[in-house]
């Protein structure tokens, strides 16, 4: 599941600027910390 999310993010980040990528990275970190609990 986590790999699938990472793959989707990589695909999306191709058409994103640095700022959007940074926000996305933070969101991923938050969701990962919630799911691992």
C-alpha atoms as a PDB file:
ATOM      1  CA  UNK A   1       0.000   0.000   0.000  1.00  0.00           C
ATOM      2  CA  UNK A   2       2.741   2.427   0.958  1.00  0.00           C
ATOM      3  CA  UNK A   3       4.633   1.646  -2.230  1.00  0.00           C
ATOM      4  CA  UNK A   4       1.513   2.346  -4.269  1.00  0.00           C
ATOM      5  CA  UNK A   5       1.142   5.735  -2.608  1.00  0.00           C
ATOM      6  CA  UNK A   6       4.814   6.491  -3.236  1.00  0.00           C
ATOM      7  CA  UNK A   7       4.404   5.559  -6.900  1.00  0.00           C
ATOM      8  CA  UNK A   8       1.363   7.809  -7.293  1.00  0.00           C
ATOM      9  CA  UNK A   9       3.208  10.674  -5.625  1.00  0.00           C
ATOM     10  CA  UNK A  10       6.199  10.234  -7.921  1.00  0.00           C
ATOM     11  CA  UNK A  11       3.903  10.364 -10.933  1.00  0.00           C
ATOM     12  CA  UNK A  12       2.161  13.478  -9.663  1.00  0.00           C
ATOM     13  CA  UNK A  13       5.346  15.243  -8.544  1.00  0.00           C
ATOM     14  CA  UNK A  14       6.569  15.187 -12.148  1.00  0.00           C
ATOM     15  CA  UNK A  15       4.048  17.910 -12.967  1.00  0.00           C
ATOM     16  CA  UNK A  16       4.454  19.788  -9.692  1.00  0.00           C
ATOM     17  CA  UNK A  17       6.659  22.619  -8.552  1.00  0.00           C
ATOM     18  CA  UNK A  18       8.938  22.438  -5.511  1.00  0.00           C
ATOM     19  CA  UNK A  19       6.470  24.053  -3.093  1.00  0.00           C
ATOM     20  CA  UNK A  20       3.619  21.676  -3.909  1.00  0.00           C
ATOM     21  CA  UNK A  21       6.009  18.762  -3.581  1.00  0.00           C
ATOM     22  CA  UNK A  22       7.080  19.969  -0.147  1.00  0.00           C
ATOM     23  CA  UNK A  23       3.478  20.212   1.089  1.00  0.00           C
ATOM     24  CA  UNK A  24       2.754  16.761  -0.331  1.00  0.00           C
ATOM     25  CA  UNK A  25       5.801  15.361   1.443  1.00  0.00           C
ATOM     26  CA  UNK A  26       4.555  16.702   4.782  1.00  0.00           C
ATOM     27  CA  UNK A  27       1.101  15.211   4.185  1.00  0.00           C
ATOM     28  CA  UNK A  28       2.663  11.842   3.383  1.00  0.00           C
ATOM     29  CA  UNK A  29       4.722  11.940   6.576  1.00  0.00           C
ATOM     30  CA  UNK A  30       1.593  12.654   8.627  1.00  0.00           C
ATOM     31  CA  UNK A  31      -0.446   9.886   6.991  1.00  0.00           C
ATOM     32  CA  UNK A  32       2.422   7.408   7.344  1.00  0.00           C
ATOM     33  CA  UNK A  33       2.758   8.131  11.060  1.00  0.00           C
ATOM     34  CA  UNK A  34      -0.973   7.535  11.468  1.00  0.00           C
ATOM     35  CA  UNK A  35      -1.104   4.290   9.498  1.00  0.00           C
ATOM     36  CA  UNK A  36       1.963   2.760  11.184  1.00  0.00           C
ATOM     37  CA  UNK A  37       0.408   3.224  14.623  1.00  0.00           C
END
